[in-house]
Structures are given as C-alpha cells and as structure tokens.
PDB file of all heavy atoms in Angstrom:
ATOM      1  N   ALA A   1     116.554-194.209 157.244  1.00  0.00           N
ATOM      2  CA  ALA A   1     117.650-194.497 158.263  1.00  0.00           C
ATOM      3  C   ALA A   1     118.322-193.275 158.702  1.00  0.00           C
ATOM      4  O   ALA A   1     119.335-193.225 159.328  1.00  0.00           O
ATOM      5  CB  ALA A   1     118.738-195.372 157.696  1.00  0.00           C
ATOM      6  N   GLY A   2     117.960-192.052 158.256  1.00  0.00           N
ATOM      7  CA  GLY A   2     118.420-190.782 158.563  1.00  0.00           C
ATOM      8  C   GLY A   2     119.210-190.053 157.605  1.00  0.00           C
ATOM      9  O   GLY A   2     119.660-188.827 157.851  1.00  0.00           O
ATOM     10  N   ALA A   3     119.318-190.497 156.358  1.00  0.00           N
ATOM     11  CA  ALA A   3     119.978-189.686 155.278  1.00  0.00           C
ATOM     12  C   ALA A   3     119.302-188.428 154.905  1.00  0.00           C
ATOM     13  O   ALA A   3     118.108-188.342 155.070  1.00  0.00           O
ATOM     14  CB  ALA A   3     120.155-190.561 154.051  1.00  0.00           C
ATOM     15  N   LYS A   4     120.055-187.464 154.379  1.00  0.00           N
ATOM     16  CA  LYS A   4     119.512-186.360 153.838  1.00  0.00           C
ATOM     17  C   LYS A   4     119.700-186.331 152.336  1.00  0.00           C
ATOM     18  O   LYS A   4     120.639-186.934 151.869  1.00  0.00           O
ATOM     19  CB  LYS A   4     120.161-185.119 154.455  1.00  0.00           C
ATOM     20  CG  LYS A   4     120.263-185.056 156.011  1.00  0.00           C
ATOM     21  CD  LYS A   4     118.866-185.145 156.584  1.00  0.00           C
ATOM     22  CE  LYS A   4     118.980-185.072 158.187  1.00  0.00           C
ATOM     23  NZ  LYS A   4     117.602-185.282 158.815  1.00  0.00           N
ATOM     24  N   VAL A   5     118.807-185.594 151.592  1.00  0.00           N
ATOM     25  CA  VAL A   5     118.933-185.628 150.140  1.00  0.00           C
ATOM     26  C   VAL A   5     118.940-184.137 149.644  1.00  0.00           C
ATOM     27  O   VAL A   5     118.068-183.303 150.016  1.00  0.00           O
ATOM     28  CB  VAL A   5     117.816-186.309 149.638  1.00  0.00           C
ATOM     29  CG1 VAL A   5     117.777-186.445 148.083  1.00  0.00           C
ATOM     30  CG2 VAL A   5     117.676-187.735 150.195  1.00  0.00           C
ATOM     31  N   LYS A   6     119.885-183.854 148.681  1.00  0.00           N
ATOM     32  CA  LYS A   6     119.931-182.553 148.101  1.00  0.00           C
ATOM     33  C   LYS A   6     118.934-182.469 146.895  1.00  0.00           C
ATOM     34  O   LYS A   6     118.941-183.264 145.935  1.00  0.00           O
ATOM     35  CB  LYS A   6     121.436-182.287 147.544  1.00  0.00           C
ATOM     36  CG  LYS A   6     122.312-182.089 148.602  1.00  0.00           C
ATOM     37  CD  LYS A   6     123.641-181.610 148.236  1.00  0.00           C
ATOM     38  CE  LYS A   6     124.608-181.339 149.249  1.00  0.00           C
ATOM     39  NZ  LYS A   6     125.969-180.801 148.894  1.00  0.00           N
ATOM     40  N   ALA A   7     118.087-181.531 147.097  1.00  0.00           N
ATOM     41  CA  ALA A   7     117.120-181.150 145.933  1.00  0.00           C
ATOM     42  C   ALA A   7     117.835-180.192 145.025  1.00  0.00           C
ATOM     43  O   ALA A   7     117.767-179.059 145.033  1.00  0.00           O
ATOM     44  CB  ALA A   7     115.875-180.532 146.497  1.00  0.00           C
ATOM     45  N   THR A   8     118.656-180.888 144.242  1.00  0.00           N
ATOM     46  CA  THR A   8     119.672-180.090 143.337  1.00  0.00           C
ATOM     47  C   THR A   8     119.711-180.764 141.981  1.00  0.00           C
ATOM     48  O   THR A   8     119.192-182.038 141.912  1.00  0.00           O
ATOM     49  CB  THR A   8     121.054-180.114 143.938  1.00  0.00           C
ATOM     50  OG1 THR A   8     121.514-181.424 144.187  1.00  0.00           O
ATOM     51  CG2 THR A   8     121.144-179.277 145.240  1.00  0.00           C
ATOM     52  N   GLY A   9     120.296-180.072 140.961  1.00  0.00           N
ATOM     53  CA  GLY A   9     120.602-180.751 139.708  1.00  0.00           C
ATOM     54  C   GLY A   9     119.369-181.234 139.004  1.00  0.00           C
ATOM     55  O   GLY A   9     119.412-182.224 138.296  1.00  0.00           O
ATOM     56  N   PHE A  10     118.272-180.545 139.083  1.00  0.00           N
ATOM     57  CA  PHE A  10     117.095-180.975 138.334  1.00  0.00           C
ATOM     58  C   PHE A  10     117.318-181.143 136.839  1.00  0.00           C
ATOM     59  O   PHE A  10     116.676-181.920 136.149  1.00  0.00           O
ATOM     60  CB  PHE A  10     115.865-179.943 138.540  1.00  0.00           C
ATOM     61  CG  PHE A  10     115.437-179.907 139.984  1.00  0.00           C
ATOM     62  CD1 PHE A  10     114.456-178.952 140.370  1.00  0.00           C
ATOM     63  CD2 PHE A  10     115.996-180.744 140.937  1.00  0.00           C
ATOM     64  CE1 PHE A  10     114.070-178.822 141.664  1.00  0.00           C
ATOM     65  CE2 PHE A  10     115.534-180.606 142.272  1.00  0.00           C
ATOM     66  CZ  PHE A  10     114.604-179.705 142.650  1.00  0.00           C
ATOM     67  N   GLY A  11     118.328-180.411 136.267  1.00  0.00           N
ATOM     68  CA  GLY A  11     118.542-180.509 134.785  1.00  0.00           C
ATOM     69  C   GLY A  11     119.622-181.568 134.536  1.00  0.00           C
ATOM     70  O   GLY A  11     119.954-181.766 133.278  1.00  0.00           O
ATOM     71  N   ARG A  12     119.970-182.457 135.493  1.00  0.00           N
ATOM     72  CA  ARG A  12     120.936-183.422 135.142  1.00  0.00           C
ATOM     73  C   ARG A  12     120.410-184.918 135.600  1.00  0.00           C
ATOM     74  O   ARG A  12     120.973-185.861 135.205  1.00  0.00           O
ATOM     75  CB  ARG A  12     122.238-183.315 135.901  1.00  0.00           C
ATOM     76  CG  ARG A  12     122.245-183.420 137.375  1.00  0.00           C
ATOM     77  CD  ARG A  12     123.679-183.377 137.992  1.00  0.00           C
ATOM     78  NE  ARG A  12     124.369-182.048 137.863  1.00  0.00           N
ATOM     79  CZ  ARG A  12     125.443-181.868 137.192  1.00  0.00           C
ATOM     80  NH1 ARG A  12     125.920-182.840 136.441  1.00  0.00           N
ATOM     81  NH2 ARG A  12     125.951-180.583 137.222  1.00  0.00           N
ATOM     82  N   VAL A  13     119.238-184.825 136.377  1.00  0.00           N
ATOM     83  CA  VAL A  13     118.799-186.096 136.890  1.00  0.00           C
ATOM     84  C   VAL A  13     117.900-186.865 135.738  1.00  0.00           C
ATOM     85  O   VAL A  13     117.484-186.293 134.821  1.00  0.00           O
ATOM     86  CB  VAL A  13     117.898-186.034 138.207  1.00  0.00           C
ATOM     87  CG1 VAL A  13     118.841-185.245 139.225  1.00  0.00           C
ATOM     88  CG2 VAL A  13     116.695-185.070 137.909  1.00  0.00           C
ATOM     89  N   GLN A  14     117.745-188.209 135.990  1.00  0.00           N
ATOM     90  CA  GLN A  14     116.858-188.959 135.228  1.00  0.00           C
ATOM     91  C   GLN A  14     115.891-189.500 135.998  1.00  0.00           C
ATOM     92  O   GLN A  14     115.842-190.797 136.268  1.00  0.00           O
ATOM     93  CB  GLN A  14     117.647-190.023 134.421  1.00  0.00           C
ATOM     94  CG  GLN A  14     118.755-189.417 133.518  1.00  0.00           C
ATOM     95  CD  GLN A  14     119.596-190.530 132.829  1.00  0.00           C
ATOM     96  OE1 GLN A  14     119.465-191.641 133.199  1.00  0.00           O
ATOM     97  NE2 GLN A  14     120.392-190.132 131.982  1.00  0.00           N
ATOM     98  N   LEU A  15     114.867-188.714 136.429  1.00  0.00           N
ATOM     99  CA  LEU A  15     113.731-189.140 137.276  1.00  0.00           C
ATOM    100  C   LEU A  15     112.688-188.161 137.269  1.00  0.00           C
ATOM    101  O   LEU A  15     112.881-187.034 136.773  1.00  0.00           O
ATOM    102  CB  LEU A  15     114.173-189.429 138.723  1.00  0.00           C
ATOM    103  CG  LEU A  15     115.075-188.414 139.488  1.00  0.00           C
ATOM    104  CD1 LEU A  15     114.255-187.166 139.917  1.00  0.00           C
ATOM    105  CD2 LEU A  15     115.630-189.024 140.733  1.00  0.00           C
ATOM    106  N   ASP A  16     111.538-188.456 137.821  1.00  0.00           N
ATOM    107  CA  ASP A  16     110.390-187.600 137.891  1.00  0.00           C
ATOM    108  C   ASP A  16     110.628-186.795 139.148  1.00  0.00           C
ATOM    109  O   ASP A  16     110.378-187.152 140.300  1.00  0.00           O
ATOM    110  CB  ASP A  16     109.049-188.467 138.042  1.00  0.00           C
ATOM    111  CG  ASP A  16     107.821-187.628 138.082  1.00  0.00           C
ATOM    112  OD1 ASP A  16     107.927-186.381 138.653  1.00  0.00           O
ATOM    113  OD2 ASP A  16     106.744-188.060 137.677  1.00  0.00           O
ATOM    114  N   VAL A  17     111.064-185.516 138.970  1.00  0.00           N
ATOM    115  CA  VAL A  17     111.500-184.667 140.016  1.00  0.00           C
ATOM    116  C   VAL A  17     110.305-184.431 140.985  1.00  0.00           C
ATOM    117  O   VAL A  17     110.540-184.487 142.182  1.00  0.00           O
ATOM    118  CB  VAL A  17     112.178-183.350 139.539  1.00  0.00           C
ATOM    119  CG1 VAL A  17     112.368-182.371 140.623  1.00  0.00           C
ATOM    120  CG2 VAL A  17     113.505-183.640 138.816  1.00  0.00           C
ATOM    121  N   PRO A  18     109.160-183.838 140.540  1.00  0.00           N
ATOM    122  CA  PRO A  18     108.134-183.604 141.546  1.00  0.00           C
ATOM    123  C   PRO A  18     107.790-184.872 142.372  1.00  0.00           C
ATOM    124  O   PRO A  18     107.487-184.658 143.656  1.00  0.00           O
ATOM    125  CB  PRO A  18     106.983-183.305 140.562  1.00  0.00           C
ATOM    126  CG  PRO A  18     107.487-182.717 139.335  1.00  0.00           C
ATOM    127  CD  PRO A  18     108.804-183.549 139.179  1.00  0.00           C
ATOM    128  N   ARG A  19     107.693-186.046 141.740  1.00  0.00           N
ATOM    129  CA  ARG A  19     107.316-187.184 142.507  1.00  0.00           C
ATOM    130  C   ARG A  19     108.458-187.458 143.505  1.00  0.00           C
ATOM    131  O   ARG A  19     108.157-187.989 144.687  1.00  0.00           O
ATOM    132  CB  ARG A  19     106.988-188.363 141.656  1.00  0.00           C
ATOM    133  CG  ARG A  19     105.653-188.184 140.968  1.00  0.00           C
ATOM    134  CD  ARG A  19     105.241-189.478 140.226  1.00  0.00           C
ATOM    135  NE  ARG A  19     103.930-189.384 139.654  1.00  0.00           N
ATOM    136  CZ  ARG A  19     103.416-190.262 138.851  1.00  0.00           C
ATOM    137  NH1 ARG A  19     104.068-191.339 138.525  1.00  0.00           N
ATOM    138  NH2 ARG A  19     102.184-190.059 138.285  1.00  0.00           N
ATOM    139  N   ALA A  20     109.677-187.381 143.109  1.00  0.00           N
ATOM    140  CA  ALA A  20     110.768-187.599 144.007  1.00  0.00           C
ATOM    141  C   ALA A  20     110.777-186.747 145.214  1.00  0.00           C
ATOM    142  O   ALA A  20     111.012-187.095 146.314  1.00  0.00           O
ATOM    143  CB  ALA A  20     112.172-187.560 143.282  1.00  0.00           C
ATOM    144  N   LEU A  21     110.584-185.399 144.983  1.00  0.00           N
ATOM    145  CA  LEU A  21     110.474-184.414 146.067  1.00  0.00           C
ATOM    146  C   LEU A  21     109.376-184.813 147.038  1.00  0.00           C
ATOM    147  O   LEU A  21     109.523-184.713 148.242  1.00  0.00           O
ATOM    148  CB  LEU A  21     110.154-183.000 145.523  1.00  0.00           C
ATOM    149  CG  LEU A  21     111.399-182.345 144.803  1.00  0.00           C
ATOM    150  CD1 LEU A  21     110.799-181.022 144.056  1.00  0.00           C
ATOM    151  CD2 LEU A  21     112.594-182.101 145.554  1.00  0.00           C
ATOM    152  N   GLU A  22     108.220-185.143 146.435  1.00  0.00           N
ATOM    153  CA  GLU A  22     107.094-185.428 147.306  1.00  0.00           C
ATOM    154  C   GLU A  22     107.250-186.698 148.108  1.00  0.00           C
ATOM    155  O   GLU A  22     107.013-186.734 149.364  1.00  0.00           O
ATOM    156  CB  GLU A  22     105.793-185.678 146.414  1.00  0.00           C
ATOM    157  CG  GLU A  22     104.560-185.786 147.113  1.00  0.00           C
ATOM    158  CD  GLU A  22     103.423-185.940 146.236  1.00  0.00           C
ATOM    159  OE1 GLU A  22     103.397-186.839 145.353  1.00  0.00           O
ATOM    160  OE2 GLU A  22     102.505-185.056 146.237  1.00  0.00           O
ATOM    161  N   SER A  23     107.926-187.665 147.516  1.00  0.00           N
ATOM    162  CA  SER A  23     108.140-188.992 148.164  1.00  0.00           C
ATOM    163  C   SER A  23     109.192-188.848 149.341  1.00  0.00           C
ATOM    164  O   SER A  23     108.983-189.402 150.490  1.00  0.00           O
ATOM    165  CB  SER A  23     108.681-190.091 147.165  1.00  0.00           C
ATOM    166  OG  SER A  23     107.771-190.301 146.271  1.00  0.00           O
ATOM    167  N   ILE A  24     110.253-188.106 149.055  1.00  0.00           N
ATOM    168  CA  ILE A  24     111.299-187.963 150.060  1.00  0.00           C
ATOM    169  C   ILE A  24     110.708-187.132 151.180  1.00  0.00           C
ATOM    170  O   ILE A  24     110.914-187.358 152.430  1.00  0.00           O
ATOM    171  CB  ILE A  24     112.510-187.236 149.481  1.00  0.00           C
ATOM    172  CG1 ILE A  24     113.143-188.142 148.461  1.00  0.00           C
ATOM    173  CG2 ILE A  24     113.520-186.851 150.586  1.00  0.00           C
ATOM    174  CD1 ILE A  24     114.170-187.532 147.634  1.00  0.00           C
ATOM    175  N   ALA A  25     109.883-186.052 150.969  1.00  0.00           N
ATOM    176  CA  ALA A  25     109.394-185.165 151.989  1.00  0.00           C
ATOM    177  C   ALA A  25     108.418-185.933 152.843  1.00  0.00           C
ATOM    178  O   ALA A  25     108.347-185.631 154.042  1.00  0.00           O
ATOM    179  CB  ALA A  25     108.737-183.859 151.409  1.00  0.00           C
ATOM    180  N   ARG A  26     107.659-186.849 152.145  1.00  0.00           N
ATOM    181  CA  ARG A  26     106.671-187.566 152.968  1.00  0.00           C
ATOM    182  C   ARG A  26     107.411-188.571 153.888  1.00  0.00           C
ATOM    183  O   ARG A  26     106.939-188.758 154.966  1.00  0.00           O
ATOM    184  CB  ARG A  26     105.787-188.368 151.904  1.00  0.00           C
ATOM    185  CG  ARG A  26     104.667-189.197 152.729  1.00  0.00           C
ATOM    186  CD  ARG A  26     103.773-189.935 151.720  1.00  0.00           C
ATOM    187  NE  ARG A  26     103.220-189.096 150.712  1.00  0.00           N
ATOM    188  CZ  ARG A  26     103.529-189.290 149.380  1.00  0.00           C
ATOM    189  NH1 ARG A  26     104.300-190.149 149.030  1.00  0.00           N
ATOM    190  NH2 ARG A  26     102.836-188.463 148.624  1.00  0.00           N
ATOM    191  N   ARG A  27     108.457-189.087 153.418  1.00  0.00           N
ATOM    192  CA  ARG A  27     109.234-189.921 154.292  1.00  0.00           C
ATOM    193  C   ARG A  27     109.862-189.299 155.474  1.00  0.00           C
ATOM    194  O   ARG A  27     109.858-189.815 156.671  1.00  0.00           O
ATOM    195  CB  ARG A  27     110.282-190.671 153.437  1.00  0.00           C
ATOM    196  CG  ARG A  27     111.052-191.851 154.071  1.00  0.00           C
ATOM    197  CD  ARG A  27     110.221-193.078 154.388  1.00  0.00           C
ATOM    198  NE  ARG A  27     109.577-193.563 153.219  1.00  0.00           N
ATOM    199  CZ  ARG A  27     110.018-194.611 152.520  1.00  0.00           C
ATOM    200  NH1 ARG A  27     111.164-195.287 152.898  1.00  0.00           N
ATOM    201  NH2 ARG A  27     109.327-195.052 151.519  1.00  0.00           N
ATOM    202  N   ASP A  28     110.333-188.060 155.372  1.00  0.00           N
ATOM    203  CA  ASP A  28     111.021-187.311 156.330  1.00  0.00           C
ATOM    204  C   ASP A  28     111.039-185.823 155.916  1.00  0.00           C
ATOM    205  O   ASP A  28     111.821-185.449 155.037  1.00  0.00           O
ATOM    206  CB  ASP A  28     112.415-187.756 156.684  1.00  0.00           C
ATOM    207  CG  ASP A  28     113.003-186.877 157.795  1.00  0.00           C
ATOM    208  OD1 ASP A  28     112.418-186.076 158.385  1.00  0.00           O
ATOM    209  OD2 ASP A  28     114.331-187.310 158.148  1.00  0.00           O
ATOM    210  N   PRO A  29     110.139-184.919 156.492  1.00  0.00           N
ATOM    211  CA  PRO A  29     110.206-183.601 156.067  1.00  0.00           C
ATOM    212  C   PRO A  29     111.412-182.777 156.419  1.00  0.00           C
ATOM    213  O   PRO A  29     111.596-181.794 155.761  1.00  0.00           O
ATOM    214  CB  PRO A  29     109.003-183.017 157.018  1.00  0.00           C
ATOM    215  CG  PRO A  29     108.166-184.211 157.460  1.00  0.00           C
ATOM    216  CD  PRO A  29     109.100-185.310 157.550  1.00  0.00           C
ATOM    217  N   ALA A  30     112.339-183.331 157.166  1.00  0.00           N
ATOM    218  CA  ALA A  30     113.610-182.767 157.358  1.00  0.00           C
ATOM    219  C   ALA A  30     114.808-183.191 156.517  1.00  0.00           C
ATOM    220  O   ALA A  30     115.944-182.802 156.608  1.00  0.00           O
ATOM    221  CB  ALA A  30     114.087-182.954 158.769  1.00  0.00           C
ATOM    222  N   ALA A  31     114.505-184.078 155.647  1.00  0.00           N
ATOM    223  CA  ALA A  31     115.493-184.756 154.744  1.00  0.00           C
ATOM    224  C   ALA A  31     115.867-183.905 153.576  1.00  0.00           C
ATOM    225  O   ALA A  31     117.025-183.876 153.226  1.00  0.00           O
ATOM    226  CB  ALA A  31     114.987-186.070 154.284  1.00  0.00           C
TER     227      ALA A  31
END
C-alpha cells in the first residue's frame, strides 16, 4: 500500500533478517 521500511536494528529484531530484506525488496524495491 506504499509503506517504507527501515532496514535497521538487526541486533534488536526477532525475525529472519535476510528473508525479511529479500521479501520486502521483492514486494517493492523502493521500500
């Protein structure tokens, strides 16, 4: 829907960072 996402805080998140980056970039390369 147009949101942007900060690729930040890798040491504080509880998720698979590489897969999250890849999934978001695939959805919108400008996000």
